[in-house]
Protein backbone atom coordinates (compact mmCIF):
# COMPACT_ATOMS: atom_id res chain seq x y z
CA UNK A 1 -0.10 -0.02 0.27
CA UNK A 2 2.78 2.35 0.57
CA UNK A 3 6.40 3.01 -0.96
CA UNK A 4 9.24 1.34 0.44
CA UNK A 5 10.34 4.46 2.55
CA UNK A 6 13.86 4.87 3.40
CA UNK A 7 13.28 8.19 5.38
CA UNK A 8 9.50 8.83 6.13
CA UNK A 9 6.90 6.93 8.05
CA UNK A 10 4.00 7.14 5.61
CA UNK A 11 1.31 5.19 8.36
CA UNK A 12 -1.15 7.71 8.80
CA UNK A 13 -1.38 8.76 5.12
CA UNK A 14 -3.87 7.41 2.70
CA UNK A 15 -3.13 6.63 -1.02
CA UNK A 16 -0.77 8.96 -3.13
CA UNK A 17 2.12 6.47 -3.42
CA UNK A 18 4.05 7.92 -6.35
CA UNK A 19 4.24 11.35 -4.61
CA UNK A 20 5.32 9.80 -1.31
CA UNK A 21 7.81 8.36 -2.68
CA UNK A 22 8.97 11.42 -4.65
CA UNK A 23 9.04 13.25 -1.25
CA UNK A 24 10.83 10.87 0.68
CA UNK A 25 13.33 10.65 -1.69
CA UNK A 26 13.89 14.54 -1.33
CA UNK A 27 14.18 13.96 2.39
CA UNK A 28 16.77 11.00 2.02
CA UNK A 29 18.78 13.10 -0.14
CA UNK A 30 18.47 16.62 1.14
CA UNK A 31 17.69 17.82 -1.68
CA UNK A 32 14.35 19.81 -0.87
CA UNK A 33 13.22 22.35 -3.33
CA UNK A 34 12.89 25.78 -1.75
CA UNK A 35 9.33 25.97 -3.40
CA UNK A 36 6.77 23.44 -4.13
CA UNK A 37 3.29 23.54 -5.65
CA UNK A 38 0.70 20.50 -4.55
CA UNK A 39 -2.12 20.45 -6.89
CA UNK A 40 -5.45 18.63 -7.13
CA UNK A 41 -8.68 18.36 -6.11
CA UNK A 42 -10.12 19.84 -2.69
CA UNK A 43 -10.47 16.83 0.14
CA UNK A 44 -7.37 14.28 -1.16
CA UNK A 45 -4.92 14.81 1.46
CA UNK A 46 -2.63 17.59 0.23
CA UNK A 47 -2.50 19.66 2.97
CA UNK A 48 -2.13 16.58 5.42
CA UNK A 49 0.83 15.37 3.32
CA UNK A 50 2.86 19.05 3.79
CA UNK A 51 2.49 18.81 7.04
CA UNK A 52 3.25 15.49 7.48
CA UNK A 53 6.63 16.12 5.48
CA UNK A 54 7.42 18.87 7.51
CA UNK A 55 6.74 16.76 10.65
CA UNK A 56 9.43 14.47 9.41
CA UNK A 57 11.61 17.42 8.37
CA UNK A 58 11.87 19.01 12.04
CA UNK A 59 11.41 15.51 13.70
CA UNK A 60 14.31 14.38 16.00
CA UNK A 61 13.23 10.89 16.26
CA UNK A 62 14.13 7.53 14.08
CA UNK A 63 10.97 6.96 12.19
CA UNK A 64 10.08 10.25 11.11
CA UNK A 65 7.76 11.84 11.84
CA UNK A 66 7.70 9.85 15.32
CA UNK A 67 5.05 11.87 16.83
CA UNK A 68 6.22 11.48 20.15
CA UNK A 69 9.38 14.05 20.09
CA UNK A 70 9.15 17.51 21.16
CA UNK A 71 9.03 19.00 17.39
CA UNK A 72 6.79 16.34 16.76
CA UNK A 73 4.61 17.30 19.59
CA UNK A 74 4.72 21.09 18.74
CA UNK A 75 4.14 20.75 15.01
CA UNK A 76 0.80 18.30 15.87
CA UNK A 77 -0.43 21.68 17.82
CA UNK A 78 0.49 24.08 15.56
CA UNK A 79 3.10 25.78 18.12
CA UNK A 80 6.31 24.45 16.61
CA UNK A 81 8.06 28.18 15.81
CA UNK A 82 9.56 27.86 12.66
CA UNK A 83 6.18 26.25 10.87
CA UNK A 84 3.97 28.98 9.13
CA UNK A 85 0.82 27.89 7.72
CA UNK A 86 -1.76 30.40 6.05
CA UNK A 87 -5.17 29.36 5.23
CA UNK A 88 -8.20 31.26 3.37
CA UNK A 89 -10.20 33.22 5.88
CA UNK A 90 -13.68 33.59 6.44
CA UNK A 91 -14.32 34.95 2.95
CA UNK A 92 -12.47 32.12 1.48
CA UNK A 93 -9.31 34.13 0.48
CA UNK A 94 -5.71 34.46 2.14
CA UNK A 95 -5.51 38.29 1.96
CA UNK A 96 -2.89 40.23 0.89
CA UNK A 97 -3.00 42.29 4.32
CA UNK A 98 -2.37 46.39 5.03
CA UNK A 99 1.09 48.00 4.40
CA UNK A 100 1.26 48.87 7.90
CA UNK A 101 -0.70 46.64 10.22
CA UNK A 102 0.35 43.20 8.37
CA UNK A 103 -2.24 41.10 10.06
CA UNK A 104 -1.62 37.65 11.12
CA UNK A 105 -2.39 35.46 8.57
CA UNK A 106 -2.00 37.82 5.36
CA UNK A 107 0.70 37.64 2.76
CA UNK A 108 2.38 40.84 3.88
CA UNK A 109 2.64 39.39 7.48
CA UNK A 110 4.09 35.97 5.72
CA UNK A 111 6.88 38.10 4.23
CA UNK A 112 7.62 39.95 7.13
CA UNK A 113 7.78 36.50 9.10
CA UNK A 114 10.01 34.95 6.64
CA UNK A 115 12.53 37.76 6.99
CA UNK A 116 13.49 36.37 10.65
CA UNK A 117 15.59 33.85 10.78
CA UNK A 118 14.47 30.66 12.35
CA UNK A 119 15.26 28.85 15.88
CA UNK A 120 15.65 25.26 14.53
CA UNK A 121 17.90 26.09 11.42
CA UNK A 122 15.31 25.41 8.80
CA UNK A 123 11.76 27.14 8.33
CA UNK A 124 8.67 25.32 6.45
CA UNK A 125 5.75 27.43 5.01
CA UNK A 126 2.27 26.00 4.17
CA UNK A 127 -0.12 27.95 1.93
CA UNK A 128 -3.24 25.88 1.78
CA UNK A 129 -5.31 27.59 -0.83
CA UNK A 130 -2.80 29.72 -2.69
CA UNK A 131 -4.91 30.12 -5.78
CA UNK A 132 -7.33 32.21 -3.43
CA UNK A 133 -4.68 35.08 -2.96
CA UNK A 134 -5.17 37.95 -5.32
CA UNK A 135 -3.06 38.76 -8.26
CA UNK A 136 -1.77 41.77 -6.02
CA UNK A 137 -1.11 39.14 -3.49
CA UNK A 138 0.83 36.47 -5.46
CA UNK A 139 2.98 39.34 -6.76
CA UNK A 140 3.79 40.65 -3.46
CA UNK A 141 5.04 36.71 -2.63
CA UNK A 142 6.72 36.41 -5.64
CA UNK A 143 9.89 37.74 -4.03
CA UNK A 144 9.82 35.24 -1.33
CA UNK A 145 9.39 32.53 -3.36
CA UNK A 146 12.24 33.57 -5.72
CA UNK A 147 14.92 34.39 -2.86
CA UNK A 148 13.87 32.79 0.36
CA UNK A 149 15.98 32.69 3.31
CA UNK A 150 18.31 29.81 3.46
CA UNK A 151 17.18 26.80 4.51
CA UNK A 152 13.04 28.13 3.47
CA UNK A 153 10.87 25.66 2.09
CA UNK A 154 7.45 26.69 0.60
CA UNK A 155 4.94 24.50 -0.19
CA UNK A 156 1.94 25.98 -2.05
CA UNK A 157 -1.39 24.34 -2.24
CA UNK A 158 -4.04 25.22 -5.07
CA UNK A 159 -7.07 23.22 -6.12
CA UNK A 160 -7.16 25.28 -9.04
CA UNK A 161 -3.78 25.64 -10.85
CA UNK A 162 -5.05 28.42 -13.41
CA UNK A 163 -5.45 30.72 -10.86
CA UNK A 164 -2.00 31.07 -10.21
CA UNK A 165 0.48 33.47 -12.21
CA UNK A 166 2.89 31.70 -14.36
CA UNK A 167 5.71 33.28 -12.70
CA UNK A 168 4.67 31.68 -9.33
CA UNK A 169 4.16 28.38 -11.42
CA UNK A 170 7.41 28.43 -12.75
CA UNK A 171 9.56 29.18 -9.79
CA UNK A 172 7.58 25.86 -8.24
CA UNK A 173 8.45 22.09 -8.37
CA UNK A 174 4.78 21.20 -9.18
CA UNK A 175 3.90 17.89 -7.67
CA UNK A 176 0.00 16.93 -9.14
CA UNK A 177 -2.10 15.14 -6.68
CA UNK A 178 -4.67 12.57 -8.19
CA UNK A 179 -7.97 11.80 -6.79
CA UNK A 180 -8.08 8.94 -4.12
CA UNK A 181 -9.57 5.50 -5.68
CA UNK A 182 -12.89 4.55 -4.56
CA UNK A 183 -11.38 1.67 -2.26
CA UNK A 184 -9.15 3.83 -0.51
CA UNK A 185 -11.76 6.32 0.65
CA UNK A 186 -14.17 2.97 1.65
CA UNK A 187 -11.33 1.67 3.54
CA UNK A 188 -10.66 5.28 5.31
CA UNK A 189 -14.37 5.88 6.08
CA UNK A 190 -14.93 2.22 7.10
CA UNK A 191 -12.32 2.54 9.76
CA UNK A 192 -14.63 4.28 12.48
CA UNK A 193 -16.63 0.99 12.57
CA UNK A 194 -19.96 2.47 11.35
CA UNK A 195 -22.77 0.06 10.98
CA UNK A 196 -23.92 2.18 8.05
CA UNK A 197 -24.69 0.00 5.05
CA UNK A 198 -24.09 2.71 2.39
CA UNK A 199 -20.61 3.17 2.88
CA UNK A 200 -19.68 2.02 -0.84
CA UNK A 201 -22.06 4.55 -2.33
CA UNK A 202 -20.47 7.20 -0.18
CA UNK A 203 -17.12 5.88 -1.85
CA UNK A 204 -18.12 5.97 -5.02
CA UNK A 205 -19.82 9.26 -5.03
CA UNK A 206 -17.36 11.20 -3.08
CA UNK A 207 -15.12 11.63 -6.38
CA UNK A 208 -12.12 10.47 -4.63
CA UNK A 209 -12.01 12.86 -2.30
CA UNK A 210 -12.26 11.99 1.54
CA UNK A 211 -13.31 16.03 2.61
CA UNK A 212 -16.77 14.92 0.58
CA UNK A 213 -16.90 11.71 2.18
CA UNK A 214 -17.08 13.00 5.11
CA UNK A 215 -19.53 15.31 4.51
CA UNK A 216 -21.73 12.48 3.34
CA UNK A 217 -21.04 10.55 6.15
CA UNK A 218 -23.54 13.12 7.86
CA UNK A 219 -26.87 11.09 7.62
CA UNK A 220 -29.02 14.00 7.17
CA UNK A 221 -27.11 15.38 4.33
CA UNK A 222 -26.71 12.11 2.46
CA UNK A 223 -30.45 11.62 3.24
CA UNK A 224 -31.40 15.24 1.64
CA UNK A 225 -29.02 14.35 -1.34
CA UNK A 226 -30.90 11.03 -2.06
CA UNK A 227 -34.18 12.39 -1.59
CA UNK A 228 -33.31 15.27 -4.07
CA UNK A 229 -32.06 13.00 -6.91
CA UNK A 230 -35.14 10.40 -5.93
CA UNK A 231 -37.30 13.59 -7.08
CA UNK A 232 -35.22 14.44 -10.17
CA UNK A 233 -35.32 10.74 -11.41
CA UNK A 234 -38.69 10.32 -11.05
CA UNK A 235 -39.37 14.01 -13.61
CA UNK A 236 -36.51 12.36 -16.03
CA UNK A 237 -38.47 9.23 -15.89
CA UNK A 238 -42.11 10.25 -16.25
CA UNK A 239 -41.64 14.33 -16.74
CA UNK A 240 -43.92 14.84 -13.83
CA UNK A 241 -44.01 18.02 -12.12
CA UNK A 242 -40.53 18.85 -10.39
CA UNK A 243 -41.04 19.10 -6.76
CA UNK A 244 -37.85 18.82 -5.48
CA UNK A 245 -35.56 21.88 -3.72
CA UNK A 246 -32.10 21.92 -3.98
CA UNK A 247 -31.80 24.46 -1.67
CA UNK A 248 -32.41 22.24 1.21
CA UNK A 249 -28.98 20.78 0.57
CA UNK A 250 -26.85 23.67 -0.91
CA UNK A 251 -27.79 25.50 2.43
CA UNK A 252 -25.54 23.15 4.23
CA UNK A 253 -22.88 22.10 1.86
CA UNK A 254 -20.92 24.23 -0.84
CA UNK A 255 -22.19 24.65 -4.32
CA UNK A 256 -19.07 23.03 -5.50
CA UNK A 257 -19.37 19.43 -3.50
CA UNK A 258 -23.34 19.71 -4.04
CA UNK A 259 -22.84 19.51 -7.69
CA UNK A 260 -19.90 17.20 -7.58
CA UNK A 261 -22.14 14.61 -5.70
CA UNK A 262 -24.81 15.31 -8.12
CA UNK A 263 -22.62 14.42 -11.10
CA UNK A 264 -21.10 11.07 -9.54
CA UNK A 265 -24.51 9.95 -8.84
CA UNK A 266 -25.82 10.43 -12.37
CA UNK A 267 -22.96 8.99 -13.69
CA UNK A 268 -23.43 5.76 -11.83
CA UNK A 269 -27.19 6.18 -12.75
CA UNK A 270 -26.23 6.27 -16.91
CA UNK A 271 -24.01 3.24 -16.37
CA UNK A 272 -26.88 1.53 -14.78
CA UNK A 273 -29.30 2.45 -17.42
CA UNK A 274 -26.64 1.80 -20.54
CA UNK A 275 -26.12 -1.94 -18.95
CA UNK A 276 -22.66 -1.14 -17.46
CA UNK A 277 -22.04 -2.67 -14.04
CA UNK A 278 -21.27 0.28 -11.86
CA UNK A 279 -20.74 -2.39 -9.16
CA UNK A 280 -22.55 -0.05 -6.65
CA UNK A 281 -25.92 -0.81 -5.45
CA UNK A 282 -28.03 2.21 -5.68
CA UNK A 283 -31.45 3.02 -4.07
CA UNK A 284 -34.14 1.87 -6.38
CA UNK A 285 -35.75 5.21 -6.53
CA UNK A 286 -33.09 6.71 -8.45
CA UNK A 287 -33.14 4.66 -11.37
CA UNK A 288 -33.83 6.25 -14.70
CA UNK A 289 -34.62 4.03 -17.59
CA UNK A 290 -33.50 6.53 -20.49
CA UNK A 291 -30.10 6.96 -20.40
CA UNK A 292 -30.43 9.80 -22.73
CA UNK A 293 -31.83 11.59 -20.53
CA UNK A 294 -29.48 10.97 -17.76
CA UNK A 295 -27.09 12.22 -20.30
CA UNK A 296 -28.44 15.33 -20.85
CA UNK A 297 -28.87 15.76 -17.31
CA UNK A 298 -25.39 15.33 -16.56
CA UNK A 299 -24.31 18.02 -19.38
CA UNK A 300 -26.63 20.49 -17.33
CA UNK A 301 -24.88 19.71 -14.34
CA UNK A 302 -21.25 19.88 -15.45
CA UNK A 303 -21.97 23.53 -17.30
CA UNK A 304 -23.51 24.72 -13.91
CA UNK A 305 -20.17 23.44 -12.38
CA UNK A 306 -18.17 25.39 -14.69
CA UNK A 307 -20.20 28.36 -14.35
CA UNK A 308 -19.81 28.75 -10.61
CA UNK A 309 -17.21 31.41 -10.55
CA UNK A 310 -20.01 33.59 -12.52
CA UNK A 311 -22.14 33.59 -9.28
CA UNK A 312 -24.38 31.20 -10.52
CA UNK A 313 -27.98 30.60 -8.16
CA UNK A 314 -27.83 26.75 -8.38
CA UNK A 315 -30.89 26.53 -7.46
CA UNK A 316 -32.81 28.30 -9.90
CA UNK A 317 -30.32 27.16 -12.55
CA UNK A 318 -30.88 24.01 -11.89
CA UNK A 319 -34.70 23.77 -12.05
CA UNK A 320 -34.60 26.07 -15.12
CA UNK A 321 -32.39 23.58 -17.17
CA UNK A 322 -34.47 20.89 -16.31
CA UNK A 323 -37.57 22.18 -17.65
CA UNK A 324 -35.40 22.87 -20.74
CA UNK A 325 -34.05 19.78 -20.94
CA UNK A 326 -36.07 18.32 -23.83
CA UNK A 327 -35.23 21.39 -25.86
CA UNK A 328 -31.47 20.68 -25.53
CA UNK A 329 -29.58 20.78 -28.69
CA UNK A 330 -28.98 17.18 -29.60
CA UNK A 331 -25.71 18.02 -31.72
CA UNK A 332 -24.37 20.09 -29.07
CA UNK A 333 -24.19 17.17 -26.49
CA UNK A 334 -20.41 14.68 -26.11
CA UNK A 335 -20.85 11.20 -26.83
CA UNK A 336 -21.76 9.26 -24.00
CA UNK A 337 -18.66 7.57 -22.81
CA UNK A 338 -16.72 10.93 -22.24
CA UNK A 339 -18.83 11.94 -19.73
CA UNK A 340 -18.71 8.79 -17.76
CA UNK A 341 -14.85 9.11 -16.82
């Protein structure tokens, strides 16, 4: 399950075999880039691996990270003096900060902090959500990435690398992370010993994200998703009046998570409807006999997810586009296999 590690202990990490082997080699040889960029979808463990890597770097034990030495304990408690972490604020962005105040957690605060010498001899920086930094903020950060203090290592984490400046990208070693396998997700969510019977379905529709799987482990949210899809499937089967209210779910989870889960559910339904074994038991009320209608609905969901940055009202958009489903241009849709993966 894990790479043959020579330096780093991977026992608490799920998946990402090749990426972990690469990081392990860096620690073994001491050839650690001053800036790395971890890219990949939300909720697959990028931030956890970044913290794990720095824990191993600072660890004084034999099995790195040992989770028992002073440095490991401080790192776990977020009190290690030479580990700096930045995360998006309540507005979902890592702020630039004002020139005079340099508020903690801002880019200007980080730049000032990096001008000081480390206590341990090395500094580790994790910027989780680098793609939420404004263009001005990225330009301000650029010099710290180009000319960091000696033994300073920066890991940027981004779900959407297209939002990063090319100059930022070019100065980082980019390490892409793939979605976790369904088996990895299932194994992880099964470890808490829950007696739930829908774990395989949760793992299948989480899209390789443990974060999304964690959301769906909330029974109330999962039940609302299945209920909503049941109403939509009934509409697709019989074209009866649509009584489903997406708002009941959207107000509890992010629009992106909502659409991702919906897409994955209807991909499973599509596979069943065209006779391909999805290897997952779906609730009977979700079945749709007309694969073409499912296909067109998935196209709607994909378009909505692509338009999230335009502040679409998902609740209104889904209902409106479902009502217009029959009028969709048949020649504009992709072939069915292209939306199964």
